[in-house]
């Protein structure tokens, strides 16, 4: 075979010429993308139902807080605050009067009043005005009752605002009889029964006002010294107020508390029980030696 007849090996195109740094004038055409299935149209958001909130709206709005429990009206807080201030002023006056009159129990009275004032300062933020007024009222009633029973005579009790012990005991007893009537009138009953209790309470309280405006001695009220002197002693205002109305109110409170009172109401219920008990104890001492002699 001559050289002229020799054609040489057949050349094949190189695979992947870009790997051999070959200069290529035109880049190969990019393969046209295959048509893809169109994306489904987004579903329009449904309007929220009435009363319902979307997550966005609920996130935008601040969390609504629960309304606070309704507190006491302003006038009640002012009344309790005024009463507490007056009662603590009376307690301080009682301690000063006991020292000036050289009462046998003067240092005990001073210690009790001072201890209550210190306790009130320590628990100032933990106790409201009703609690402050209640503690002061119970302390004052307790001191007055203890003083007359310790001395064995109403005239030897404690003085308040330069008033004699007889006037103090009469004023406190009149107030407790009136409060006993109001407490009984709160029981569910026909209106005529409430009216009758109100009249009896006014009659009993008025009997103890007599020592304040006349010269009638406080113990003589059980001997016919009150209104309607011709009626039997058990119809006199002093007897009805102290030995009928106040025990009835105390018994009604005990029964009501055992049956109905629960929770935080026990504080108010216990305060009323102690107040009526101390008021009854204060008034009974004046009549203790007279009751056996009554016909």
C-alpha atoms as a PDB file:
ATOM      1  CA  UNK A   1       0.000   0.000   0.000  1.00  0.00           C
ATOM      2  CA  UNK A   2       1.459   3.295  -0.994  1.00  0.00           C
ATOM      3  CA  UNK A   3       1.449   6.422   1.006  1.00  0.00           C
ATOM      4  CA  UNK A   4      -1.071   7.955  -1.284  1.00  0.00           C
ATOM      5  CA  UNK A   5      -3.522   5.247  -0.520  1.00  0.00           C
ATOM      6  CA  UNK A   6      -3.075   5.634   3.245  1.00  0.00           C
ATOM      7  CA  UNK A   7      -5.893   7.738   4.655  1.00  0.00           C
ATOM      8  CA  UNK A   8      -4.979   7.639   8.354  1.00  0.00           C
ATOM      9  CA  UNK A   9      -7.148   6.795  11.329  1.00  0.00           C
ATOM     10  CA  UNK A  10     -10.598   8.208  11.478  1.00  0.00           C
ATOM     11  CA  UNK A  11     -10.844  10.997  14.101  1.00  0.00           C
ATOM     12  CA  UNK A  12     -13.670  10.955  16.584  1.00  0.00           C
ATOM     13  CA  UNK A  13     -14.963  14.048  18.392  1.00  0.00           C
ATOM     14  CA  UNK A  14     -13.623  14.457  21.912  1.00  0.00           C
ATOM     15  CA  UNK A  15     -16.130  14.025  24.662  1.00  0.00           C
ATOM     16  CA  UNK A  16     -16.591  17.084  26.877  1.00  0.00           C
ATOM     17  CA  UNK A  17     -14.249  19.506  25.053  1.00  0.00           C
ATOM     18  CA  UNK A  18     -14.491  21.999  27.948  1.00  0.00           C
ATOM     19  CA  UNK A  19     -12.348  19.692  29.990  1.00  0.00           C
ATOM     20  CA  UNK A  20      -9.436  20.179  27.542  1.00  0.00           C
ATOM     21  CA  UNK A  21      -9.488  23.994  27.471  1.00  0.00           C
ATOM     22  CA  UNK A  22     -10.562  24.023  23.895  1.00  0.00           C
ATOM     23  CA  UNK A  23     -11.698  27.373  22.608  1.00  0.00           C
ATOM     24  CA  UNK A  24     -15.315  27.221  21.664  1.00  0.00           C
ATOM     25  CA  UNK A  25     -16.722  30.200  19.917  1.00  0.00           C
ATOM     26  CA  UNK A  26     -20.348  29.682  20.872  1.00  0.00           C
ATOM     27  CA  UNK A  27     -21.660  28.141  23.973  1.00  0.00           C
ATOM     28  CA  UNK A  28     -24.060  25.392  23.417  1.00  0.00           C
ATOM     29  CA  UNK A  29     -27.668  26.453  23.678  1.00  0.00           C
ATOM     30  CA  UNK A  30     -29.170  25.898  27.040  1.00  0.00           C
ATOM     31  CA  UNK A  31     -31.792  23.336  27.114  1.00  0.00           C
ATOM     32  CA  UNK A  32     -35.164  24.924  27.230  1.00  0.00           C
ATOM     33  CA  UNK A  33     -36.877  24.290  30.547  1.00  0.00           C
ATOM     34  CA  UNK A  34     -39.703  21.956  30.463  1.00  0.00           C
ATOM     35  CA  UNK A  35     -43.007  23.583  31.061  1.00  0.00           C
ATOM     36  CA  UNK A  36     -44.015  22.937  34.634  1.00  0.00           C
ATOM     37  CA  UNK A  37     -47.506  22.527  35.917  1.00  0.00           C
ATOM     38  CA  UNK A  38     -48.862  25.873  37.004  1.00  0.00           C
ATOM     39  CA  UNK A  39     -49.026  26.345  40.745  1.00  0.00           C
ATOM     40  CA  UNK A  40     -52.510  26.201  42.113  1.00  0.00           C
ATOM     41  CA  UNK A  41     -53.940  29.593  42.868  1.00  0.00           C
ATOM     42  CA  UNK A  42     -53.880  30.486  46.530  1.00  0.00           C
ATOM     43  CA  UNK A  43     -57.237  30.100  48.113  1.00  0.00           C
ATOM     44  CA  UNK A  44     -58.681  33.388  49.194  1.00  0.00           C
ATOM     45  CA  UNK A  45     -58.882  33.635  52.998  1.00  0.00           C
ATOM     46  CA  UNK A  46     -62.334  33.182  54.316  1.00  0.00           C
ATOM     47  CA  UNK A  47     -63.727  36.022  56.373  1.00  0.00           C
ATOM     48  CA  UNK A  48     -63.734  35.212  60.082  1.00  0.00           C
ATOM     49  CA  UNK A  49     -67.033  34.252  61.571  1.00  0.00           C
ATOM     50  CA  UNK A  50     -68.805  36.769  63.711  1.00  0.00           C
ATOM     51  CA  UNK A  51     -67.330  36.885  67.198  1.00  0.00           C
ATOM     52  CA  UNK A  52     -64.213  34.902  66.136  1.00  0.00           C
ATOM     53  CA  UNK A  53     -60.754  36.456  66.008  1.00  0.00           C
ATOM     54  CA  UNK A  54     -58.003  35.568  63.567  1.00  0.00           C
ATOM     55  CA  UNK A  55     -54.541  34.754  64.909  1.00  0.00           C
ATOM     56  CA  UNK A  56     -53.238  38.078  63.568  1.00  0.00           C
ATOM     57  CA  UNK A  57     -55.952  40.082  65.223  1.00  0.00           C
ATOM     58  CA  UNK A  58     -55.586  38.214  68.466  1.00  0.00           C
ATOM     59  CA  UNK A  59     -51.840  38.752  68.400  1.00  0.00           C
ATOM     60  CA  UNK A  60     -52.247  42.438  67.640  1.00  0.00           C
ATOM     61  CA  UNK A  61     -54.670  43.001  70.475  1.00  0.00           C
ATOM     62  CA  UNK A  62     -53.270  42.952  74.013  1.00  0.00           C
ATOM     63  CA  UNK A  63     -54.516  40.217  76.243  1.00  0.00           C
ATOM     64  CA  UNK A  64     -57.597  41.441  78.020  1.00  0.00           C
ATOM     65  CA  UNK A  65     -57.244  41.190  81.768  1.00  0.00           C
ATOM     66  CA  UNK A  66     -60.051  40.129  83.995  1.00  0.00           C
ATOM     67  CA  UNK A  67     -61.782  42.973  85.760  1.00  0.00           C
ATOM     68  CA  UNK A  68     -60.852  43.387  89.361  1.00  0.00           C
ATOM     69  CA  UNK A  69     -63.332  42.387  92.000  1.00  0.00           C
ATOM     70  CA  UNK A  70     -65.493  45.310  92.954  1.00  0.00           C
ATOM     71  CA  UNK A  71     -64.070  46.891  96.066  1.00  0.00           C
ATOM     72  CA  UNK A  72     -65.773  48.845  98.768  1.00  0.00           C
ATOM     73  CA  UNK A  73     -67.321  52.153  97.757  1.00  0.00           C
ATOM     74  CA  UNK A  74     -65.363  55.266  98.589  1.00  0.00           C
ATOM     75  CA  UNK A  75     -67.829  56.438 101.214  1.00  0.00           C
ATOM     76  CA  UNK A  76     -67.521  53.134 103.102  1.00  0.00           C
ATOM     77  CA  UNK A  77     -63.724  53.376 103.142  1.00  0.00           C
ATOM     78  CA  UNK A  78     -63.983  56.936 104.420  1.00  0.00           C
ATOM     79  CA  UNK A  79     -66.421  55.891 107.150  1.00  0.00           C
ATOM     80  CA  UNK A  80     -64.152  53.036 108.281  1.00  0.00           C
ATOM     81  CA  UNK A  81     -61.102  55.302 108.212  1.00  0.00           C
ATOM     82  CA  UNK A  82     -62.863  57.999 110.233  1.00  0.00           C
ATOM     83  CA  UNK A  83     -64.163  55.428 112.719  1.00  0.00           C
ATOM     84  CA  UNK A  84     -60.716  53.886 113.156  1.00  0.00           C
ATOM     85  CA  UNK A  85     -59.106  57.272 113.812  1.00  0.00           C
ATOM     86  CA  UNK A  86     -61.792  58.188 116.364  1.00  0.00           C
ATOM     87  CA  UNK A  87     -61.571  54.828 118.146  1.00  0.00           C
ATOM     88  CA  UNK A  88     -57.775  54.949 118.421  1.00  0.00           C
ATOM     89  CA  UNK A  89     -58.017  58.498 119.746  1.00  0.00           C
ATOM     90  CA  UNK A  90     -60.520  57.288 122.367  1.00  0.00           C
ATOM     91  CA  UNK A  91     -58.190  54.441 123.356  1.00  0.00           C
ATOM     92  CA  UNK A  92     -55.318  56.854 123.885  1.00  0.00           C
ATOM     93  CA  UNK A  93     -57.627  59.083 125.907  1.00  0.00           C
ATOM     94  CA  UNK A  94     -58.732  56.110 128.045  1.00  0.00           C
ATOM     95  CA  UNK A  95     -55.086  55.296 128.842  1.00  0.00           C
ATOM     96  CA  UNK A  96     -54.326  58.917 129.754  1.00  0.00           C
ATOM     97  CA  UNK A  97     -57.463  59.219 131.899  1.00  0.00           C
ATOM     98  CA  UNK A  98     -56.624  55.976 133.710  1.00  0.00           C
ATOM     99  CA  UNK A  99     -53.177  57.310 134.634  1.00  0.00           C
ATOM    100  CA  UNK A 100     -54.495  60.711 135.705  1.00  0.00           C
ATOM    101  CA  UNK A 101     -57.241  59.157 137.858  1.00  0.00           C
ATOM    102  CA  UNK A 102     -54.776  56.652 139.369  1.00  0.00           C
ATOM    103  CA  UNK A 103     -56.948  53.705 138.366  1.00  0.00           C
ATOM    104  CA  UNK A 104     -55.868  50.357 139.852  1.00  0.00           C
ATOM    105  CA  UNK A 105     -55.589  48.926 136.335  1.00  0.00           C
ATOM    106  CA  UNK A 106     -53.957  51.983 134.737  1.00  0.00           C
ATOM    107  CA  UNK A 107     -50.681  50.302 133.761  1.00  0.00           C
ATOM    108  CA  UNK A 108     -52.502  47.334 132.303  1.00  0.00           C
ATOM    109  CA  UNK A 109     -54.634  49.707 130.214  1.00  0.00           C
ATOM    110  CA  UNK A 110     -51.520  51.587 129.061  1.00  0.00           C
ATOM    111  CA  UNK A 111     -49.831  48.330 128.092  1.00  0.00           C
ATOM    112  CA  UNK A 112     -52.817  47.079 126.114  1.00  0.00           C
ATOM    113  CA  UNK A 113     -53.253  50.351 124.225  1.00  0.00           C
ATOM    114  CA  UNK A 114     -49.534  50.650 123.498  1.00  0.00           C
ATOM    115  CA  UNK A 115     -49.387  47.048 122.303  1.00  0.00           C
ATOM    116  CA  UNK A 116     -52.330  47.593 119.979  1.00  0.00           C
ATOM    117  CA  UNK A 117     -50.730  50.715 118.509  1.00  0.00           C
ATOM    118  CA  UNK A 118     -47.446  48.883 117.889  1.00  0.00           C
ATOM    119  CA  UNK A 119     -49.279  45.952 116.301  1.00  0.00           C
ATOM    120  CA  UNK A 120     -51.220  48.340 114.123  1.00  0.00           C
ATOM    121  CA  UNK A 121     -47.999  49.945 112.871  1.00  0.00           C
ATOM    122  CA  UNK A 122     -46.370  46.580 112.132  1.00  0.00           C
ATOM    123  CA  UNK A 123     -49.406  45.316 110.220  1.00  0.00           C
ATOM    124  CA  UNK A 124     -50.350  48.634 108.645  1.00  0.00           C
ATOM    125  CA  UNK A 125     -50.140  47.437 105.038  1.00  0.00           C
ATOM    126  CA  UNK A 126     -51.688  44.046 105.729  1.00  0.00           C
ATOM    127  CA  UNK A 127     -54.835  45.312 107.404  1.00  0.00           C
ATOM    128  CA  UNK A 128     -57.498  47.556 105.943  1.00  0.00           C
ATOM    129  CA  UNK A 129     -59.492  50.235 107.670  1.00  0.00           C
ATOM    130  CA  UNK A 130     -62.340  47.835 108.624  1.00  0.00           C
ATOM    131  CA  UNK A 131     -59.863  45.591 110.445  1.00  0.00           C
ATOM    132  CA  UNK A 132     -58.216  48.555 112.162  1.00  0.00           C
ATOM    133  CA  UNK A 133     -61.578  49.925 113.310  1.00  0.00           C
ATOM    134  CA  UNK A 134     -62.762  46.494 114.449  1.00  0.00           C
ATOM    135  CA  UNK A 135     -59.668  45.818 116.554  1.00  0.00           C
ATOM    136  CA  UNK A 136     -59.933  49.242 118.184  1.00  0.00           C
ATOM    137  CA  UNK A 137     -63.647  48.773 118.959  1.00  0.00           C
ATOM    138  CA  UNK A 138     -63.130  45.325 120.492  1.00  0.00           C
ATOM    139  CA  UNK A 139     -60.199  46.588 122.576  1.00  0.00           C
ATOM    140  CA  UNK A 140     -62.229  49.529 123.890  1.00  0.00           C
ATOM    141  CA  UNK A 141     -65.200  47.298 124.783  1.00  0.00           C
ATOM    142  CA  UNK A 142     -62.906  44.788 126.438  1.00  0.00           C
ATOM    143  CA  UNK A 143     -61.196  47.423 128.584  1.00  0.00           C
ATOM    144  CA  UNK A 144     -64.500  48.956 129.684  1.00  0.00           C
ATOM    145  CA  UNK A 145     -66.023  45.563 130.549  1.00  0.00           C
ATOM    146  CA  UNK A 146     -62.930  44.437 132.438  1.00  0.00           C
ATOM    147  CA  UNK A 147     -62.730  47.676 134.412  1.00  0.00           C
ATOM    148  CA  UNK A 148     -66.307  47.491 135.768  1.00  0.00           C
ATOM    149  CA  UNK A 149     -66.034  43.795 136.626  1.00  0.00           C
ATOM    150  CA  UNK A 150     -62.634  44.286 138.240  1.00  0.00           C
ATOM    151  CA  UNK A 151     -63.916  47.145 140.417  1.00  0.00           C
ATOM    152  CA  UNK A 152     -67.312  45.547 141.021  1.00  0.00           C
ATOM    153  CA  UNK A 153     -69.000  48.917 140.521  1.00  0.00           C
ATOM    154  CA  UNK A 154     -69.963  50.854 137.423  1.00  0.00           C
ATOM    155  CA  UNK A 155     -68.876  54.089 139.060  1.00  0.00           C
ATOM    156  CA  UNK A 156     -65.322  52.734 139.425  1.00  0.00           C
ATOM    157  CA  UNK A 157     -64.817  51.982 135.728  1.00  0.00           C
ATOM    158  CA  UNK A 158     -62.774  53.863 133.180  1.00  0.00           C
ATOM    159  CA  UNK A 159     -63.425  57.442 132.166  1.00  0.00           C
ATOM    160  CA  UNK A 160     -63.560  58.558 128.537  1.00  0.00           C
ATOM    161  CA  UNK A 161     -63.205  62.192 127.426  1.00  0.00           C
ATOM    162  CA  UNK A 162     -63.595  63.285 131.080  1.00  0.00           C
ATOM    163  CA  UNK A 163     -67.014  61.612 131.298  1.00  0.00           C
ATOM    164  CA  UNK A 164     -67.888  59.585 134.383  1.00  0.00           C
ATOM    165  CA  UNK A 165     -67.856  55.779 134.084  1.00  0.00           C
ATOM    166  CA  UNK A 166     -71.642  55.661 134.563  1.00  0.00           C
ATOM    167  CA  UNK A 167     -72.174  57.924 131.534  1.00  0.00           C
ATOM    168  CA  UNK A 168     -69.688  55.916 129.462  1.00  0.00           C
ATOM    169  CA  UNK A 169     -71.348  52.581 130.262  1.00  0.00           C
ATOM    170  CA  UNK A 170     -74.805  54.010 129.582  1.00  0.00           C
ATOM    171  CA  UNK A 171     -73.762  55.422 126.197  1.00  0.00           C
ATOM    172  CA  UNK A 172     -72.047  52.207 125.116  1.00  0.00           C
ATOM    173  CA  UNK A 173     -75.007  50.085 126.255  1.00  0.00           C
ATOM    174  CA  UNK A 174     -77.475  52.284 124.359  1.00  0.00           C
ATOM    175  CA  UNK A 175     -75.374  51.895 121.220  1.00  0.00           C
ATOM    176  CA  UNK A 176     -75.134  48.107 121.589  1.00  0.00           C
ATOM    177  CA  UNK A 177     -78.915  47.780 122.122  1.00  0.00           C
ATOM    178  CA  UNK A 178     -79.546  49.791 118.946  1.00  0.00           C
ATOM    179  CA  UNK A 179     -77.064  47.646 117.000  1.00  0.00           C
ATOM    180  CA  UNK A 180     -78.724  44.488 118.341  1.00  0.00           C
ATOM    181  CA  UNK A 181     -82.053  45.681 116.977  1.00  0.00           C
ATOM    182  CA  UNK A 182     -80.525  46.464 113.582  1.00  0.00           C
ATOM    183  CA  UNK A 183     -78.903  43.031 113.480  1.00  0.00           C
ATOM    184  CA  UNK A 184     -82.222  41.292 114.178  1.00  0.00           C
ATOM    185  CA  UNK A 185     -83.990  43.403 111.566  1.00  0.00           C
ATOM    186  CA  UNK A 186     -81.671  41.993 108.879  1.00  0.00           C
ATOM    187  CA  UNK A 187     -83.209  38.536 109.286  1.00  0.00           C
ATOM    188  CA  UNK A 188     -85.778  37.630 106.638  1.00  0.00           C
ATOM    189  CA  UNK A 189     -89.170  38.184 108.195  1.00  0.00           C
ATOM    190  CA  UNK A 190     -92.390  40.119 107.470  1.00  0.00           C
ATOM    191  CA  UNK A 191     -92.062  43.865 107.540  1.00  0.00           C
ATOM    192  CA  UNK A 192     -94.334  44.240 110.567  1.00  0.00           C
ATOM    193  CA  UNK A 193     -92.011  42.021 112.600  1.00  0.00           C
ATOM    194  CA  UNK A 194     -89.081  44.204 111.625  1.00  0.00           C
ATOM    195  CA  UNK A 195     -91.054  47.271 112.577  1.00  0.00           C
ATOM    196  CA  UNK A 196     -91.842  45.755 115.969  1.00  0.00           C
ATOM    197  CA  UNK A 197     -88.174  44.923 116.565  1.00  0.00           C
ATOM    198  CA  UNK A 198     -87.213  48.468 115.595  1.00  0.00           C
ATOM    199  CA  UNK A 199     -89.679  49.947 118.088  1.00  0.00           C
ATOM    200  CA  UNK A 200     -88.445  47.645 120.865  1.00  0.00           C
ATOM    201  CA  UNK A 201     -84.821  48.515 120.069  1.00  0.00           C
ATOM    202  CA  UNK A 202     -85.584  52.236 120.167  1.00  0.00           C
ATOM    203  CA  UNK A 203     -87.420  51.773 123.474  1.00  0.00           C
ATOM    204  CA  UNK A 204     -84.547  49.821 124.994  1.00  0.00           C
ATOM    205  CA  UNK A 205     -81.853  52.224 123.767  1.00  0.00           C
ATOM    206  CA  UNK A 206     -83.784  55.262 124.964  1.00  0.00           C
ATOM    207  CA  UNK A 207     -83.844  53.825 128.485  1.00  0.00           C
ATOM    208  CA  UNK A 208     -80.058  54.096 128.646  1.00  0.00           C
ATOM    209  CA  UNK A 209     -80.058  57.643 127.376  1.00  0.00           C
ATOM    210  CA  UNK A 210     -81.827  58.733 130.577  1.00  0.00           C
ATOM    211  CA  UNK A 211     -78.643  58.636 132.699  1.00  0.00           C
ATOM    212  CA  UNK A 212     -77.083  60.981 130.124  1.00  0.00           C
ATOM    213  CA  UNK A 213     -79.754  63.692 130.464  1.00  0.00           C
ATOM    214  CA  UNK A 214     -81.123  63.127 133.971  1.00  0.00           C
ATOM    215  CA  UNK A 215     -79.825  62.223 137.389  1.00  0.00           C
ATOM    216  CA  UNK A 216     -81.050  58.614 137.230  1.00  0.00           C
ATOM    217  CA  UNK A 217     -78.356  56.214 138.344  1.00  0.00           C
ATOM    218  CA  UNK A 218     -77.452  53.595 135.804  1.00  0.00           C
ATOM    219  CA  UNK A 219     -78.198  50.511 137.989  1.00  0.00           C
ATOM    220  CA  UNK A 220     -81.587  51.928 139.009  1.00  0.00           C
ATOM    221  CA  UNK A 221     -82.865  51.336 135.477  1.00  0.00           C
ATOM    222  CA  UNK A 222     -83.559  47.739 136.491  1.00  0.00           C
ATOM    223  CA  UNK A 223     -85.594  48.917 139.466  1.00  0.00           C
ATOM    224  CA  UNK A 224     -88.189  50.811 137.474  1.00  0.00           C
ATOM    225  CA  UNK A 225     -86.203  53.956 136.806  1.00  0.00           C
ATOM    226  CA  UNK A 226     -86.782  53.907 133.061  1.00  0.00           C
ATOM    227  CA  UNK A 227     -89.816  54.741 130.963  1.00  0.00           C
ATOM    228  CA  UNK A 228     -93.248  53.659 132.113  1.00  0.00           C
ATOM    229  CA  UNK A 229     -92.322  53.309 135.759  1.00  0.00           C
ATOM    230  CA  UNK A 230     -95.645  51.702 136.592  1.00  0.00           C
ATOM    231  CA  UNK A 231     -95.079  48.609 134.415  1.00  0.00           C
ATOM    232  CA  UNK A 232     -93.343  45.463 135.727  1.00  0.00           C
ATOM    233  CA  UNK A 233     -89.572  45.417 135.714  1.00  0.00           C
ATOM    234  CA  UNK A 234     -89.451  42.883 132.878  1.00  0.00           C
ATOM    235  CA  UNK A 235     -91.154  45.446 130.616  1.00  0.00           C
ATOM    236  CA  UNK A 236     -88.738  48.239 131.487  1.00  0.00           C
ATOM    237  CA  UNK A 237     -86.442  49.431 128.690  1.00  0.00           C
ATOM    238  CA  UNK A 238     -83.282  48.423 130.505  1.00  0.00           C
ATOM    239  CA  UNK A 239     -84.420  44.852 131.056  1.00  0.00           C
ATOM    240  CA  UNK A 240     -85.801  44.449 127.534  1.00  0.00           C
ATOM    241  CA  UNK A 241     -82.723  45.963 125.904  1.00  0.00           C
ATOM    242  CA  UNK A 242     -80.025  44.125 127.846  1.00  0.00           C
ATOM    243  CA  UNK A 243     -81.623  40.842 128.853  1.00  0.00           C
ATOM    244  CA  UNK A 244     -83.907  40.247 125.850  1.00  0.00           C
ATOM    245  CA  UNK A 245     -82.759  42.086 122.741  1.00  0.00           C
ATOM    246  CA  UNK A 246     -78.991  41.667 123.050  1.00  0.00           C
ATOM    247  CA  UNK A 247     -79.098  37.929 123.912  1.00  0.00           C
ATOM    248  CA  UNK A 248     -81.567  37.392 121.045  1.00  0.00           C
ATOM    249  CA  UNK A 249     -79.202  39.115 118.605  1.00  0.00           C
ATOM    250  CA  UNK A 250     -76.248  37.110 119.914  1.00  0.00           C
ATOM    251  CA  UNK A 251     -78.153  33.818 119.589  1.00  0.00           C
ATOM    252  CA  UNK A 252     -79.348  34.697 116.074  1.00  0.00           C
ATOM    253  CA  UNK A 253     -75.780  35.485 115.016  1.00  0.00           C
ATOM    254  CA  UNK A 254     -74.512  32.192 116.422  1.00  0.00           C
ATOM    255  CA  UNK A 255     -77.153  30.162 114.573  1.00  0.00           C
ATOM    256  CA  UNK A 256     -76.700  32.095 111.331  1.00  0.00           C
ATOM    257  CA  UNK A 257     -72.933  31.740 111.479  1.00  0.00           C
ATOM    258  CA  UNK A 258     -73.026  27.992 112.032  1.00  0.00           C
ATOM    259  CA  UNK A 259     -75.513  27.430 109.214  1.00  0.00           C
ATOM    260  CA  UNK A 260     -74.554  29.965 106.532  1.00  0.00           C
ATOM    261  CA  UNK A 261     -71.363  31.905 107.153  1.00  0.00           C
ATOM    262  CA  UNK A 262     -68.306  30.583 105.297  1.00  0.00           C
ATOM    263  CA  UNK A 263     -64.972  31.853 104.010  1.00  0.00           C
ATOM    264  CA  UNK A 264     -64.017  35.482 104.451  1.00  0.00           C
ATOM    265  CA  UNK A 265     -67.380  36.288 106.015  1.00  0.00           C
ATOM    266  CA  UNK A 266     -66.210  34.546 109.179  1.00  0.00           C
ATOM    267  CA  UNK A 267     -64.140  37.626 110.074  1.00  0.00           C
ATOM    268  CA  UNK A 268     -67.160  39.922 110.173  1.00  0.00           C
ATOM    269  CA  UNK A 269     -69.253  37.284 111.901  1.00  0.00           C
ATOM    270  CA  UNK A 270     -66.630  36.746 114.606  1.00  0.00           C
ATOM    271  CA  UNK A 271     -66.307  40.489 115.158  1.00  0.00           C
ATOM    272  CA  UNK A 272     -70.077  40.836 115.719  1.00  0.00           C
ATOM    273  CA  UNK A 273     -70.120  37.887 118.132  1.00  0.00           C
ATOM    274  CA  UNK A 274     -67.292  39.341 120.222  1.00  0.00           C
ATOM    275  CA  UNK A 275     -68.762  42.852 120.146  1.00  0.00           C
ATOM    276  CA  UNK A 276     -72.210  41.773 121.353  1.00  0.00           C
ATOM    277  CA  UNK A 277     -70.661  39.450 123.919  1.00  0.00           C
ATOM    278  CA  UNK A 278     -68.476  42.202 125.400  1.00  0.00           C
ATOM    279  CA  UNK A 279     -71.351  44.705 125.303  1.00  0.00           C
ATOM    280  CA  UNK A 280     -73.610  42.255 127.123  1.00  0.00           C
ATOM    281  CA  UNK A 281     -70.885  41.564 129.680  1.00  0.00           C
ATOM    282  CA  UNK A 282     -70.426  45.295 130.257  1.00  0.00           C
ATOM    283  CA  UNK A 283     -74.120  45.937 130.896  1.00  0.00           C
ATOM    284  CA  UNK A 284     -74.730  42.808 132.986  1.00  0.00           C
ATOM    285  CA  UNK A 285     -72.296  43.855 135.712  1.00  0.00           C
ATOM    286  CA  UNK A 286     -74.467  46.861 136.556  1.00  0.00           C
ATOM    287  CA  UNK A 287     -77.515  44.617 136.998  1.00  0.00           C
ATOM    288  CA  UNK A 288     -75.833  41.601 138.557  1.00  0.00           C
ATOM    289  CA  UNK A 289     -76.535  42.512 142.169  1.00  0.00           C
ATOM    290  CA  UNK A 290     -80.019  43.843 141.385  1.00  0.00           C
ATOM    291  CA  UNK A 291     -81.516  40.848 139.560  1.00  0.00           C
ATOM    292  CA  UNK A 292     -81.999  38.662 142.679  1.00  0.00           C
ATOM    293  CA  UNK A 293     -83.853  41.500 144.413  1.00  0.00           C
ATOM    294  CA  UNK A 294     -86.273  42.063 141.505  1.00  0.00           C
ATOM    295  CA  UNK A 295     -89.806  40.873 142.253  1.00  0.00           C
END
